[in-house]
Every structure is written in C-alpha cells, then in structure tokens.
PDB file of N, CA and C in Angstrom:
ATOM      1  N   MET A   1       0.682  -1.019   0.007  1.00  0.00           N
ATOM      2  CA  MET A   1       0.060   0.053  -0.025  1.00  0.00           C
ATOM      3  C   MET A   1       0.916   1.324  -0.234  1.00  0.00           C
ATOM      4  N   ILE A   2       1.746   1.164   0.769  1.00  0.00           N
ATOM      5  CA  ILE A   2       2.769   2.082   1.163  1.00  0.00           C
ATOM      6  C   ILE A   2       3.566   2.702  -0.218  1.00  0.00           C
ATOM      7  N   GLY A   3       3.973   1.293  -0.860  1.00  0.00           N
ATOM      8  CA  GLY A   3       4.548   1.526  -2.116  1.00  0.00           C
ATOM      9  C   GLY A   3       3.722   2.442  -3.342  1.00  0.00           C
ATOM     10  N   VAL A   4       2.698   1.697  -3.486  1.00  0.00           N
ATOM     11  CA  VAL A   4       1.675   2.222  -4.324  1.00  0.00           C
ATOM     12  C   VAL A   4       1.393   3.902  -4.324  1.00  0.00           C
ATOM     13  N   ALA A   5       1.389   4.354  -2.736  1.00  0.00           N
ATOM     14  CA  ALA A   5       1.195   5.809  -2.402  1.00  0.00           C
ATOM     15  C   ALA A   5       2.713   6.385  -3.197  1.00  0.00           C
ATOM     16  N   LEU A   6       3.680   5.850  -2.619  1.00  0.00           N
ATOM     17  CA  LEU A   6       4.794   6.556  -3.092  1.00  0.00           C
ATOM     18  C   LEU A   6       5.229   6.141  -4.673  1.00  0.00           C
ATOM     19  N   LEU A   7       4.849   5.540  -5.434  1.00  0.00           N
ATOM     20  CA  LEU A   7       4.646   5.762  -6.761  1.00  0.00           C
ATOM     21  C   LEU A   7       3.583   6.612  -7.449  1.00  0.00           C
ATOM     22  N   ALA A   8       2.608   6.464  -6.809  1.00  0.00           N
ATOM     23  CA  ALA A   8       1.554   7.934  -7.333  1.00  0.00           C
ATOM     24  C   ALA A   8       1.978   9.339  -6.938  1.00  0.00           C
ATOM     25  N   ILE A   9       2.800   9.486  -5.791  1.00  0.00           N
ATOM     26  CA  ILE A   9       3.301  10.782  -5.483  1.00  0.00           C
ATOM     27  C   ILE A   9       4.272  10.818  -6.431  1.00  0.00           C
ATOM     28  N   GLY A  10       5.386   9.800  -6.518  1.00  0.00           N
ATOM     29  CA  GLY A  10       6.406  10.028  -7.800  1.00  0.00           C
ATOM     30  C   GLY A  10       6.216  10.524  -9.011  1.00  0.00           C
ATOM     31  N   LEU A  11       4.905   9.990  -9.599  1.00  0.00           N
ATOM     32  CA  LEU A  11       4.437  10.116 -10.811  1.00  0.00           C
ATOM     33  C   LEU A  11       4.008  11.820 -10.877  1.00  0.00           C
ATOM     34  N   VAL A  12       3.305  12.007  -9.921  1.00  0.00           N
ATOM     35  CA  VAL A  12       2.902  13.339  -9.847  1.00  0.00           C
ATOM     36  C   VAL A  12       3.835  14.222  -9.888  1.00  0.00           C
ATOM     37  N   LEU A  13       4.903  14.097  -9.031  1.00  0.00           N
ATOM     38  CA  LEU A  13       6.193  15.021  -8.976  1.00  0.00           C
ATOM     39  C   LEU A  13       6.506  15.014 -10.550  1.00  0.00           C
ATOM     40  N   ILE A  14       6.904  13.941 -11.382  1.00  0.00           N
ATOM     41  CA  ILE A  14       7.455  13.624 -12.446  1.00  0.00           C
ATOM     42  C   ILE A  14       6.719  14.798 -13.367  1.00  0.00           C
ATOM     43  N   ILE A  15       5.371  14.648 -13.402  1.00  0.00           N
ATOM     44  CA  ILE A  15       4.964  15.187 -14.280  1.00  0.00           C
ATOM     45  C   ILE A  15       4.685  16.757 -14.176  1.00  0.00           C
ATOM     46  N   GLU A  16       4.549  17.498 -12.846  1.00  0.00           N
ATOM     47  CA  GLU A  16       4.987  18.773 -12.267  1.00  0.00           C
ATOM     48  C   GLU A  16       6.066  19.152 -12.913  1.00  0.00           C
ATOM     49  N   GLY A  17       7.035  18.408 -12.633  1.00  0.00           N
ATOM     50  CA  GLY A  17       8.600  18.636 -12.935  1.00  0.00           C
ATOM     51  C   GLY A  17       8.590  18.990 -14.517  1.00  0.00           C
ATOM     52  N   LEU A  18       8.186  18.276 -15.278  1.00  0.00           N
ATOM     53  CA  LEU A  18       8.285  18.323 -16.571  1.00  0.00           C
ATOM     54  C   LEU A  18       7.733  19.660 -17.008  1.00  0.00           C
ATOM     55  N   VAL A  19       6.199  19.643 -16.611  1.00  0.00           N
ATOM     56  CA  VAL A  19       5.556  20.840 -16.939  1.00  0.00           C
ATOM     57  C   VAL A  19       6.477  22.183 -16.252  1.00  0.00           C
ATOM     58  N   TYR A  20       7.141  22.434 -15.505  1.00  0.00           N
ATOM     59  CA  TYR A  20       7.607  23.760 -15.050  1.00  0.00           C
ATOM     60  C   TYR A  20       9.073  23.517 -15.786  1.00  0.00           C
ATOM     61  N   ALA A  21       9.700  22.455 -16.019  1.00  0.00           N
ATOM     62  CA  ALA A  21      10.778  22.598 -16.801  1.00  0.00           C
ATOM     63  C   ALA A  21      10.712  22.820 -18.167  1.00  0.00           C
ATOM     64  N   LEU A  22       9.771  22.583 -18.865  1.00  0.00           N
ATOM     65  CA  LEU A  22       9.424  22.783 -20.092  1.00  0.00           C
ATOM     66  C   LEU A  22       8.760  23.885 -20.798  1.00  0.00           C
ATOM     67  N   ALA A  23       7.816  24.262 -19.762  1.00  0.00           N
ATOM     68  CA  ALA A  23       7.010  25.668 -20.210  1.00  0.00           C
ATOM     69  C   ALA A  23       6.742  26.227 -18.775  1.00  0.00           C
ATOM     70  N   PRO A  24       7.880  27.153 -18.394  1.00  0.00           N
ATOM     71  CA  PRO A  24       7.344  27.913 -17.318  1.00  0.00           C
ATOM     72  C   PRO A  24       6.404  28.986 -17.454  1.00  0.00           C
ATOM     73  N   SER A  25       6.570  29.511 -18.642  1.00  0.00           N
ATOM     74  CA  SER A  25       5.728  30.754 -19.132  1.00  0.00           C
ATOM     75  C   SER A  25       4.076  30.465 -19.138  1.00  0.00           C
ATOM     76  N   LEU A  26       4.215  28.949 -19.756  1.00  0.00           N
ATOM     77  CA  LEU A  26       2.693  28.565 -19.704  1.00  0.00           C
ATOM     78  C   LEU A  26       2.247  28.227 -18.479  1.00  0.00           C
ATOM     79  N   VAL A  27       2.762  28.189 -17.093  1.00  0.00           N
ATOM     80  CA  VAL A  27       2.661  27.777 -15.973  1.00  0.00           C
ATOM     81  C   VAL A  27       2.094  29.284 -15.466  1.00  0.00           C
ATOM     82  N   GLU A  28       2.689  30.274 -15.662  1.00  0.00           N
ATOM     83  CA  GLU A  28       2.317  31.593 -15.451  1.00  0.00           C
ATOM     84  C   GLU A  28       1.127  31.872 -15.960  1.00  0.00           C
ATOM     85  N   GLN A  29       0.917  31.447 -17.054  1.00  0.00           N
ATOM     86  CA  GLN A  29      -0.323  32.173 -17.813  1.00  0.00           C
ATOM     87  C   GLN A  29      -1.345  31.411 -17.121  1.00  0.00           C
ATOM     88  N   LEU A  30      -1.360  30.034 -17.238  1.00  0.00           N
ATOM     89  CA  LEU A  30      -2.490  29.259 -16.309  1.00  0.00           C
ATOM     90  C   LEU A  30      -2.892  30.075 -15.301  1.00  0.00           C
ATOM     91  N   LEU A  31      -1.637  29.974 -14.189  1.00  0.00           N
ATOM     92  CA  LEU A  31      -2.005  30.424 -12.791  1.00  0.00           C
ATOM     93  C   LEU A  31      -2.812  32.107 -12.956  1.00  0.00           C
ATOM     94  N   GLU A  32      -2.744  32.853 -14.219  1.00  0.00           N
ATOM     95  CA  GLU A  32      -3.189  34.289 -14.155  1.00  0.00           C
ATOM     96  C   GLU A  32      -4.715  33.749 -14.630  1.00  0.00           C
ATOM     97  N   ALA A  33      -4.805  32.772 -15.218  1.00  0.00           N
ATOM     98  CA  ALA A  33      -6.250  32.406 -16.180  1.00  0.00           C
ATOM     99  C   ALA A  33      -7.014  32.039 -14.603  1.00  0.00           C
ATOM    100  N   LEU A  34      -6.602  31.329 -13.636  1.00  0.00           N
ATOM    101  CA  LEU A  34      -7.264  30.388 -12.738  1.00  0.00           C
ATOM    102  C   LEU A  34      -7.471  31.679 -11.825  1.00  0.00           C
ATOM    103  N   ARG A  35      -6.739  32.661 -11.769  1.00  0.00           N
ATOM    104  CA  ARG A  35      -6.968  33.893 -10.915  1.00  0.00           C
ATOM    105  C   ARG A  35      -8.198  34.803 -11.215  1.00  0.00           C
ATOM    106  N   ALA A  36      -8.397  34.542 -12.472  1.00  0.00           N
ATOM    107  CA  ALA A  36      -9.659  35.412 -13.021  1.00  0.00           C
ATOM    108  C   ALA A  36     -10.599  34.880 -12.855  1.00  0.00           C
ATOM    109  N   LEU A  37     -10.827  33.464 -12.697  1.00  0.00           N
ATOM    110  CA  LEU A  37     -12.114  32.756 -12.451  1.00  0.00           C
ATOM    111  C   LEU A  37     -12.592  32.877 -11.074  1.00  0.00           C
ATOM    112  N   PRO A  38     -13.910  32.940 -10.883  1.00  0.00           N
ATOM    113  CA  PRO A  38     -14.508  33.061  -9.697  1.00  0.00           C
ATOM    114  C   PRO A  38     -14.059  31.904  -8.992  1.00  0.00           C
ATOM    115  N   GLU A  39     -14.348  32.249  -7.415  1.00  0.00           N
ATOM    116  CA  GLU A  39     -13.634  30.957  -6.573  1.00  0.00           C
ATOM    117  C   GLU A  39     -14.935  29.872  -6.909  1.00  0.00           C
ATOM    118  N   GLU A  40     -15.982  29.893  -6.925  1.00  0.00           N
ATOM    119  CA  GLU A  40     -16.813  28.873  -7.351  1.00  0.00           C
ATOM    120  C   GLU A  40     -16.588  27.980  -8.447  1.00  0.00           C
ATOM    121  N   GLN A  41     -15.933  28.726  -9.290  1.00  0.00           N
ATOM    122  CA  GLN A  41     -15.659  28.024 -10.536  1.00  0.00           C
ATOM    123  C   GLN A  41     -14.351  27.413 -10.506  1.00  0.00           C
ATOM    124  N   ARG A  42     -13.634  27.779  -9.706  1.00  0.00           N
ATOM    125  CA  ARG A  42     -12.361  27.099  -9.299  1.00  0.00           C
ATOM    126  C   ARG A  42     -12.727  25.827  -8.430  1.00  0.00           C
ATOM    127  N   ARG A  43     -13.594  26.018  -7.602  1.00  0.00           N
ATOM    128  CA  ARG A  43     -13.952  24.568  -6.780  1.00  0.00           C
ATOM    129  C   ARG A  43     -14.526  23.830  -7.468  1.00  0.00           C
ATOM    130  N   MET A  44     -15.277  24.425  -8.502  1.00  0.00           N
ATOM    131  CA  MET A  44     -15.968  23.027  -9.300  1.00  0.00           C
ATOM    132  C   MET A  44     -15.013  22.406 -10.232  1.00  0.00           C
ATOM    133  N   LEU A  45     -13.851  23.016 -10.787  1.00  0.00           N
ATOM    134  CA  LEU A  45     -12.624  22.762 -11.410  1.00  0.00           C
ATOM    135  C   LEU A  45     -12.015  21.603 -10.800  1.00  0.00           C
ATOM    136  N   GLY A  46     -11.801  21.913  -9.181  1.00  0.00           N
ATOM    137  CA  GLY A  46     -10.936  20.982  -8.307  1.00  0.00           C
ATOM    138  C   GLY A  46     -11.854  19.705  -8.303  1.00  0.00           C
ATOM    139  N   LEU A  47     -13.235  20.098  -7.670  1.00  0.00           N
ATOM    140  CA  LEU A  47     -14.028  18.787  -7.742  1.00  0.00           C
ATOM    141  C   LEU A  47     -14.101  18.019  -8.953  1.00  0.00           C
ATOM    142  N   ALA A  48     -14.133  18.676 -10.244  1.00  0.00           N
ATOM    143  CA  ALA A  48     -14.159  17.631 -11.447  1.00  0.00           C
ATOM    144  C   ALA A  48     -12.820  16.899 -11.473  1.00  0.00           C
ATOM    145  N   ALA A  49     -11.702  17.572 -11.198  1.00  0.00           N
ATOM    146  CA  ALA A  49     -10.374  17.146 -11.278  1.00  0.00           C
ATOM    147  C   ALA A  49     -10.034  15.958 -10.510  1.00  0.00           C
ATOM    148  N   LEU A  50     -10.675  16.167  -8.903  1.00  0.00           N
ATOM    149  CA  LEU A  50     -10.988  15.140  -8.293  1.00  0.00           C
ATOM    150  C   LEU A  50     -11.596  13.914  -8.605  1.00  0.00           C
ATOM    151  N   ALA A  51     -12.880  14.197  -9.337  1.00  0.00           N
ATOM    152  CA  ALA A  51     -13.552  12.945  -9.657  1.00  0.00           C
ATOM    153  C   ALA A  51     -12.946  12.191 -10.859  1.00  0.00           C
ATOM    154  N   LEU A  52     -12.623  12.829 -11.561  1.00  0.00           N
ATOM    155  CA  LEU A  52     -11.388  12.528 -12.876  1.00  0.00           C
ATOM    156  C   LEU A  52     -10.509  11.591 -12.395  1.00  0.00           C
ATOM    157  N   GLY A  53      -9.678  11.961 -11.248  1.00  0.00           N
ATOM    158  CA  GLY A  53      -8.809  11.214 -10.468  1.00  0.00           C
ATOM    159  C   GLY A  53      -8.899  10.205  -9.977  1.00  0.00           C
ATOM    160  N   VAL A  54     -10.388   9.990  -9.145  1.00  0.00           N
ATOM    161  CA  VAL A  54     -10.975   8.779  -8.260  1.00  0.00           C
ATOM    162  C   VAL A  54     -11.063   8.034  -9.691  1.00  0.00           C
ATOM    163  N   PHE A  55     -11.877   8.294 -10.644  1.00  0.00           N
ATOM    164  CA  PHE A  55     -12.385   7.524 -11.697  1.00  0.00           C
ATOM    165  C   PHE A  55     -10.932   6.750 -12.479  1.00  0.00           C
ATOM    166  N   LEU A  56      -9.975   7.440 -12.863  1.00  0.00           N
ATOM    167  CA  LEU A  56      -9.103   7.032 -13.356  1.00  0.00           C
ATOM    168  C   LEU A  56      -8.075   5.978 -12.669  1.00  0.00           C
ATOM    169  N   VAL A  57      -8.065   6.305 -11.153  1.00  0.00           N
ATOM    170  CA  VAL A  57      -7.199   5.154 -10.102  1.00  0.00           C
ATOM    171  C   VAL A  57      -8.452   3.996 -10.067  1.00  0.00           C
ATOM    172  N   TRP A  58      -9.743   4.146  -9.953  1.00  0.00           N
ATOM    173  CA  TRP A  58     -10.490   2.986 -10.112  1.00  0.00           C
ATOM    174  C   TRP A  58     -10.342   2.156 -11.323  1.00  0.00           C
ATOM    175  N   LEU A  59     -10.380   3.014 -12.481  1.00  0.00           N
ATOM    176  CA  LEU A  59     -10.208   2.301 -14.010  1.00  0.00           C
ATOM    177  C   LEU A  59      -8.790   1.160 -13.813  1.00  0.00           C
ATOM    178  N   ALA A  60      -7.891   1.756 -13.646  1.00  0.00           N
ATOM    179  CA  ALA A  60      -6.451   1.213 -13.323  1.00  0.00           C
ATOM    180  C   ALA A  60      -6.403   0.224 -12.602  1.00  0.00           C
ATOM    181  N   LYS A  61      -6.905  -0.003 -11.297  1.00  0.00           N
ATOM    182  CA  LYS A  61      -7.219  -0.699 -10.349  1.00  0.00           C
ATOM    183  C   LYS A  61      -8.232  -1.910 -10.924  1.00  0.00           C
ATOM    184  N   SER A  62      -8.958  -1.600 -11.535  1.00  0.00           N
ATOM    185  CA  SER A  62      -9.816  -2.718 -12.512  1.00  0.00           C
ATOM    186  C   SER A  62      -9.239  -3.487 -13.490  1.00  0.00           C
ATOM    187  N   LEU A  63      -8.291  -2.795 -14.109  1.00  0.00           N
ATOM    188  CA  LEU A  63      -7.582  -3.322 -15.407  1.00  0.00           C
ATOM    189  C   LEU A  63      -6.423  -4.309 -14.915  1.00  0.00           C
ATOM    190  N   GLY A  64      -6.183  -4.190 -13.434  1.00  0.00           N
ATOM    191  CA  GLY A  64      -5.112  -4.935 -12.874  1.00  0.00           C
ATOM    192  C   GLY A  64      -3.819  -4.323 -12.502  1.00  0.00           C
ATOM    193  N   ALA A  65      -4.004  -2.819 -12.443  1.00  0.00           N
ATOM    194  CA  ALA A  65      -2.821  -2.185 -11.999  1.00  0.00           C
ATOM    195  C   ALA A  65      -2.483  -2.509 -10.465  1.00  0.00           C
TER     196      ALA A  65
END
C-alpha cells in the first residue's frame, strides 16, 4: 500500500516537474487565468479534477494495475 502511494506521488512530481521545466511561461499564464476565475468555478474545477482522478485510479485498479 505504501509502495503504491509512493509510486503515485512520484509520478505526480515527475509530471509537475516536466511542466515547470518545459513550459514555465505557460504555467504563469495558467495561474493568471485561474486567478481570473471566480472562486466557485475554481472549486468546481477542483471537484471535477478530483472525480476524474478517482475514476482513473478505479479504472487502473479494475484493469489489474
């Protein structure tokens, strides 16, 4: 269980690191766009991302990962 959690955290850090390494100016633009959104829309985006993440984890587990 801890191994899977460490794997998941490591994969997230790899993706985050790639984004910051390859497109730092794009990250700045994205953050500005997020600041322009109302708080309720940001909350809904967060909940949608959470739901998608849970679905993807469930799907991976269902496929035998």
